[in-house]
């Protein structure tokens, strides 16, 4: 698991880097909302609902401590699928070109 705290921008590279290294990102709900590719709680990430509160992060860590190995493996596979499908250089360039063409 990798804690992926929001930086100074809405979008952040930390969740993508976590998945590229085979780790499951742990990120706040507001932060997750602006990520591309999309991260979903218990699918390919752990989402912290109350990310502005230390207690929210504590609850997320408590959840992590109680995951069964099969749940962790399922989320790891989901994170790796994002990495292989959406974090390839070609796919990133496609998304940026789509954004440029939309303007």
N, C-alpha and C. Protein backbone atom coordinates (compact mmCIF):
# COMPACT_ATOMS: atom_id res chain seq x y z
N UNK A 1 0.85 -1.17 0.00
CA UNK A 1 0.00 0.00 0.00
C UNK A 1 0.89 1.23 0.00
N UNK A 2 0.44 2.27 -0.71
CA UNK A 2 1.18 3.54 -0.74
C UNK A 2 0.24 4.68 -0.41
N UNK A 3 0.59 5.44 0.62
CA UNK A 3 -0.19 6.64 0.93
C UNK A 3 0.08 7.68 -0.14
N UNK A 4 -0.97 8.16 -0.78
CA UNK A 4 -0.86 9.12 -1.88
C UNK A 4 -1.57 10.40 -1.49
N UNK A 5 -0.88 11.20 -0.71
CA UNK A 5 -1.46 12.46 -0.25
C UNK A 5 -1.52 13.45 -1.40
N UNK A 6 -2.54 14.30 -1.37
CA UNK A 6 -2.70 15.31 -2.41
C UNK A 6 -1.57 16.32 -2.30
N UNK A 7 -1.05 16.72 -3.44
CA UNK A 7 -0.01 17.73 -3.47
C UNK A 7 -0.62 19.12 -3.62
N UNK A 8 0.08 20.01 -4.27
CA UNK A 8 -0.40 21.37 -4.42
C UNK A 8 -1.37 21.52 -5.58
N UNK A 9 -1.49 20.49 -6.42
CA UNK A 9 -2.42 20.51 -7.55
C UNK A 9 -3.52 19.48 -7.32
N UNK A 10 -4.61 19.62 -8.06
CA UNK A 10 -5.70 18.65 -7.94
C UNK A 10 -5.25 17.28 -8.43
N UNK A 11 -4.56 17.26 -9.58
CA UNK A 11 -4.07 16.00 -10.13
C UNK A 11 -2.68 15.74 -9.55
N UNK A 12 -2.37 14.49 -9.29
CA UNK A 12 -1.07 14.15 -8.72
C UNK A 12 -0.57 12.84 -9.31
N UNK A 13 0.71 12.72 -9.45
CA UNK A 13 1.35 11.54 -10.03
C UNK A 13 1.47 10.38 -9.06
N UNK A 14 1.29 10.60 -7.79
CA UNK A 14 1.57 9.56 -6.79
C UNK A 14 0.77 8.26 -6.99
N UNK A 15 -0.55 8.33 -7.22
CA UNK A 15 -1.28 7.06 -7.42
C UNK A 15 -0.80 6.28 -8.63
N UNK A 16 -0.50 6.97 -9.72
CA UNK A 16 0.01 6.29 -10.90
C UNK A 16 1.35 5.64 -10.64
N UNK A 17 2.21 6.33 -9.91
CA UNK A 17 3.52 5.75 -9.58
C UNK A 17 3.36 4.55 -8.67
N UNK A 18 2.41 4.63 -7.74
CA UNK A 18 2.18 3.49 -6.84
C UNK A 18 1.77 2.26 -7.64
N UNK A 19 0.82 2.42 -8.56
CA UNK A 19 0.37 1.27 -9.33
C UNK A 19 1.47 0.73 -10.23
N UNK A 20 2.29 1.63 -10.77
CA UNK A 20 3.40 1.19 -11.63
C UNK A 20 4.39 0.33 -10.86
N UNK A 21 4.46 0.51 -9.55
CA UNK A 21 5.38 -0.27 -8.72
C UNK A 21 4.70 -1.48 -8.09
N UNK A 22 3.42 -1.72 -8.46
CA UNK A 22 2.71 -2.88 -7.93
C UNK A 22 2.10 -2.65 -6.57
N UNK A 23 1.96 -1.39 -6.18
CA UNK A 23 1.41 -1.06 -4.88
C UNK A 23 -0.03 -0.57 -5.04
N UNK A 24 -0.82 -0.73 -4.01
CA UNK A 24 -2.21 -0.27 -4.01
C UNK A 24 -2.23 1.14 -3.44
N UNK A 25 -2.71 2.13 -4.21
CA UNK A 25 -2.73 3.50 -3.70
C UNK A 25 -3.82 3.70 -2.65
N UNK A 26 -3.51 4.51 -1.65
CA UNK A 26 -4.46 4.93 -0.63
C UNK A 26 -4.57 6.44 -0.79
N UNK A 27 -5.75 6.92 -1.21
CA UNK A 27 -5.89 8.34 -1.49
C UNK A 27 -7.26 8.85 -1.06
N UNK A 28 -7.32 10.16 -0.85
CA UNK A 28 -8.56 10.78 -0.43
C UNK A 28 -9.60 10.80 -1.54
N UNK A 29 -10.87 10.86 -1.14
CA UNK A 29 -11.97 10.82 -2.10
C UNK A 29 -11.92 12.01 -3.06
N UNK A 30 -11.62 13.19 -2.54
CA UNK A 30 -11.53 14.37 -3.40
C UNK A 30 -10.39 14.22 -4.40
N UNK A 31 -9.29 13.73 -3.93
CA UNK A 31 -8.12 13.49 -4.76
C UNK A 31 -8.43 12.45 -5.84
N UNK A 32 -9.09 11.37 -5.45
CA UNK A 32 -9.42 10.28 -6.38
C UNK A 32 -10.35 10.75 -7.49
N UNK A 33 -11.21 11.69 -7.16
CA UNK A 33 -12.20 12.18 -8.13
C UNK A 33 -11.56 12.81 -9.36
N UNK A 34 -10.38 13.39 -9.20
CA UNK A 34 -9.71 14.09 -10.29
C UNK A 34 -8.63 13.27 -10.96
N UNK A 35 -8.48 12.02 -10.58
CA UNK A 35 -7.44 11.18 -11.17
C UNK A 35 -7.91 10.56 -12.47
N UNK A 36 -7.01 10.46 -13.39
CA UNK A 36 -7.25 9.72 -14.63
C UNK A 36 -6.03 8.85 -14.83
N UNK A 37 -6.16 7.58 -14.77
CA UNK A 37 -7.36 6.76 -14.75
C UNK A 37 -8.10 6.84 -13.42
N UNK A 38 -9.30 6.33 -13.41
CA UNK A 38 -10.14 6.36 -12.22
C UNK A 38 -9.73 5.29 -11.22
N UNK A 39 -9.71 5.69 -9.96
CA UNK A 39 -9.46 4.76 -8.87
C UNK A 39 -10.76 4.56 -8.11
N UNK A 40 -11.04 3.32 -7.73
CA UNK A 40 -12.28 2.99 -7.02
C UNK A 40 -11.94 2.22 -5.75
N UNK A 41 -12.67 2.54 -4.70
CA UNK A 41 -12.45 1.91 -3.41
C UNK A 41 -12.66 0.41 -3.49
N UNK A 42 -11.69 -0.32 -2.98
CA UNK A 42 -11.69 -1.78 -2.89
C UNK A 42 -11.64 -2.48 -4.25
N UNK A 43 -11.46 -1.71 -5.33
CA UNK A 43 -11.30 -2.29 -6.66
C UNK A 43 -9.84 -2.22 -7.08
N UNK A 44 -9.28 -1.01 -6.98
CA UNK A 44 -7.87 -0.81 -7.36
C UNK A 44 -7.18 0.19 -6.43
N UNK A 45 -7.86 0.54 -5.34
CA UNK A 45 -7.32 1.52 -4.39
C UNK A 45 -8.09 1.43 -3.08
N UNK A 46 -7.59 2.15 -2.10
CA UNK A 46 -8.33 2.37 -0.85
C UNK A 46 -8.62 3.87 -0.82
N UNK A 47 -9.90 4.22 -0.77
CA UNK A 47 -10.31 5.63 -0.80
C UNK A 47 -10.66 6.07 0.62
N UNK A 48 -10.11 7.20 1.02
CA UNK A 48 -10.35 7.79 2.34
C UNK A 48 -11.49 8.80 2.19
N UNK A 49 -12.63 8.51 2.80
CA UNK A 49 -13.79 9.39 2.66
C UNK A 49 -13.56 10.77 3.27
N UNK A 50 -13.04 10.81 4.49
CA UNK A 50 -12.84 12.08 5.20
C UNK A 50 -11.35 12.42 5.18
N UNK A 51 -10.86 12.81 4.00
CA UNK A 51 -9.42 12.98 3.83
C UNK A 51 -8.86 14.20 4.54
N UNK A 52 -9.69 15.12 4.95
CA UNK A 52 -9.19 16.32 5.64
C UNK A 52 -9.03 16.10 7.14
N UNK A 53 -9.39 14.92 7.60
CA UNK A 53 -9.32 14.60 9.02
C UNK A 53 -8.31 13.48 9.26
N UNK A 54 -7.43 13.64 10.25
CA UNK A 54 -6.52 12.53 10.58
C UNK A 54 -7.29 11.25 10.92
N UNK A 55 -8.49 11.42 11.51
CA UNK A 55 -9.29 10.24 11.85
C UNK A 55 -9.72 9.49 10.60
N UNK A 56 -9.97 10.21 9.51
CA UNK A 56 -10.34 9.56 8.26
C UNK A 56 -9.23 8.66 7.75
N UNK A 57 -8.00 9.15 7.83
CA UNK A 57 -6.84 8.35 7.41
C UNK A 57 -6.64 7.17 8.37
N UNK A 58 -6.90 7.41 9.66
CA UNK A 58 -6.79 6.32 10.64
C UNK A 58 -7.78 5.21 10.35
N UNK A 59 -9.01 5.58 9.98
CA UNK A 59 -10.01 4.56 9.63
C UNK A 59 -9.58 3.77 8.40
N UNK A 60 -9.02 4.45 7.42
CA UNK A 60 -8.53 3.75 6.23
C UNK A 60 -7.43 2.77 6.58
N UNK A 61 -6.50 3.18 7.44
CA UNK A 61 -5.41 2.29 7.84
C UNK A 61 -5.93 1.11 8.63
N UNK A 62 -6.95 1.35 9.45
CA UNK A 62 -7.57 0.26 10.20
C UNK A 62 -8.23 -0.74 9.24
N UNK A 63 -8.89 -0.24 8.20
CA UNK A 63 -9.48 -1.13 7.19
C UNK A 63 -8.39 -1.99 6.56
N UNK A 64 -7.28 -1.35 6.19
CA UNK A 64 -6.18 -2.07 5.53
C UNK A 64 -5.66 -3.20 6.41
N UNK A 65 -5.54 -2.93 7.70
CA UNK A 65 -5.02 -3.95 8.62
C UNK A 65 -5.93 -5.17 8.72
N UNK A 66 -7.20 -5.01 8.35
CA UNK A 66 -8.15 -6.12 8.47
C UNK A 66 -8.49 -6.77 7.12
N UNK A 67 -7.84 -6.38 6.05
CA UNK A 67 -8.09 -7.02 4.76
C UNK A 67 -7.59 -8.45 4.77
N UNK A 68 -8.34 -9.31 4.12
CA UNK A 68 -7.91 -10.68 3.89
C UNK A 68 -6.90 -10.67 2.74
N UNK A 69 -5.98 -11.62 2.71
CA UNK A 69 -5.01 -11.68 1.61
C UNK A 69 -5.67 -11.70 0.22
N UNK A 70 -6.81 -12.37 0.09
CA UNK A 70 -7.50 -12.42 -1.21
C UNK A 70 -7.99 -11.04 -1.64
N UNK A 71 -8.44 -10.21 -0.67
CA UNK A 71 -8.87 -8.85 -0.99
C UNK A 71 -7.70 -8.00 -1.48
N UNK A 72 -6.57 -8.15 -0.82
CA UNK A 72 -5.37 -7.41 -1.21
C UNK A 72 -4.94 -7.81 -2.61
N UNK A 73 -4.94 -9.10 -2.88
CA UNK A 73 -4.54 -9.58 -4.20
C UNK A 73 -5.49 -9.06 -5.28
N UNK A 74 -6.79 -9.06 -5.00
CA UNK A 74 -7.78 -8.56 -5.97
C UNK A 74 -7.55 -7.09 -6.28
N UNK A 75 -7.29 -6.28 -5.25
CA UNK A 75 -7.02 -4.85 -5.46
C UNK A 75 -5.70 -4.64 -6.19
N UNK A 76 -4.70 -5.45 -5.85
CA UNK A 76 -3.41 -5.34 -6.54
C UNK A 76 -3.58 -5.64 -8.03
N UNK A 77 -4.35 -6.66 -8.36
CA UNK A 77 -4.62 -6.98 -9.77
C UNK A 77 -5.35 -5.82 -10.44
N UNK A 78 -6.33 -5.23 -9.74
CA UNK A 78 -7.04 -4.08 -10.28
C UNK A 78 -6.12 -2.90 -10.53
N UNK A 79 -5.20 -2.66 -9.63
CA UNK A 79 -4.24 -1.57 -9.79
C UNK A 79 -3.29 -1.85 -10.95
N UNK A 80 -2.85 -3.08 -11.08
CA UNK A 80 -1.96 -3.43 -12.20
C UNK A 80 -2.68 -3.36 -13.54
N UNK A 81 -3.98 -3.67 -13.55
CA UNK A 81 -4.75 -3.54 -14.79
C UNK A 81 -4.82 -2.09 -15.24
N UNK A 82 -5.00 -1.17 -14.30
CA UNK A 82 -4.97 0.26 -14.64
C UNK A 82 -3.62 0.61 -15.23
N UNK A 83 -2.59 0.13 -14.59
CA UNK A 83 -1.24 0.44 -15.04
C UNK A 83 -1.01 -0.06 -16.46
N UNK A 84 -1.40 -1.28 -16.74
CA UNK A 84 -1.14 -1.84 -18.06
C UNK A 84 -2.06 -1.25 -19.12
N UNK A 85 -3.27 -0.83 -18.74
CA UNK A 85 -4.22 -0.32 -19.73
C UNK A 85 -4.11 1.19 -19.92
N UNK A 86 -3.99 1.94 -18.83
CA UNK A 86 -4.10 3.40 -18.91
C UNK A 86 -2.82 4.16 -18.68
N UNK A 87 -1.80 3.54 -18.16
CA UNK A 87 -0.56 4.26 -17.88
C UNK A 87 0.54 3.94 -18.89
N UNK A 88 0.17 3.30 -19.97
CA UNK A 88 1.13 3.10 -21.06
C UNK A 88 1.35 4.45 -21.73
N UNK A 89 2.54 4.68 -22.22
CA UNK A 89 2.90 5.94 -22.86
C UNK A 89 1.92 6.28 -23.99
N UNK A 90 1.56 5.29 -24.79
CA UNK A 90 0.66 5.53 -25.93
C UNK A 90 -0.70 6.03 -25.45
N UNK A 91 -1.22 5.44 -24.39
CA UNK A 91 -2.54 5.82 -23.86
C UNK A 91 -2.49 7.22 -23.26
N UNK A 92 -1.42 7.54 -22.57
CA UNK A 92 -1.27 8.89 -22.00
C UNK A 92 -1.27 9.92 -23.12
N UNK A 93 -0.53 9.65 -24.18
CA UNK A 93 -0.48 10.58 -25.31
C UNK A 93 -1.84 10.72 -25.99
N UNK A 94 -2.58 9.63 -26.10
CA UNK A 94 -3.92 9.70 -26.67
C UNK A 94 -4.80 10.64 -25.87
N UNK A 95 -4.75 10.52 -24.54
CA UNK A 95 -5.57 11.39 -23.68
C UNK A 95 -5.17 12.84 -23.83
N UNK A 96 -3.87 13.14 -23.87
CA UNK A 96 -3.43 14.52 -24.02
C UNK A 96 -3.82 15.08 -25.39
N UNK A 97 -3.69 14.27 -26.44
CA UNK A 97 -4.08 14.74 -27.77
C UNK A 97 -5.59 15.00 -27.83
N UNK A 98 -6.36 14.15 -27.16
CA UNK A 98 -7.81 14.39 -27.10
C UNK A 98 -8.12 15.71 -26.41
N UNK A 99 -7.38 16.00 -25.34
CA UNK A 99 -7.60 17.26 -24.63
C UNK A 99 -7.24 18.47 -25.52
N UNK A 100 -6.15 18.36 -26.23
CA UNK A 100 -5.70 19.46 -27.10
C UNK A 100 -6.71 19.68 -28.22
N UNK A 101 -7.19 18.60 -28.82
CA UNK A 101 -8.14 18.71 -29.90
C UNK A 101 -9.48 19.25 -29.42
N UNK A 102 -9.83 18.99 -28.16
CA UNK A 102 -11.09 19.50 -27.61
C UNK A 102 -11.05 21.01 -27.44
N UNK A 103 -9.87 21.57 -27.25
CA UNK A 103 -9.76 23.03 -27.09
C UNK A 103 -9.84 23.65 -28.44
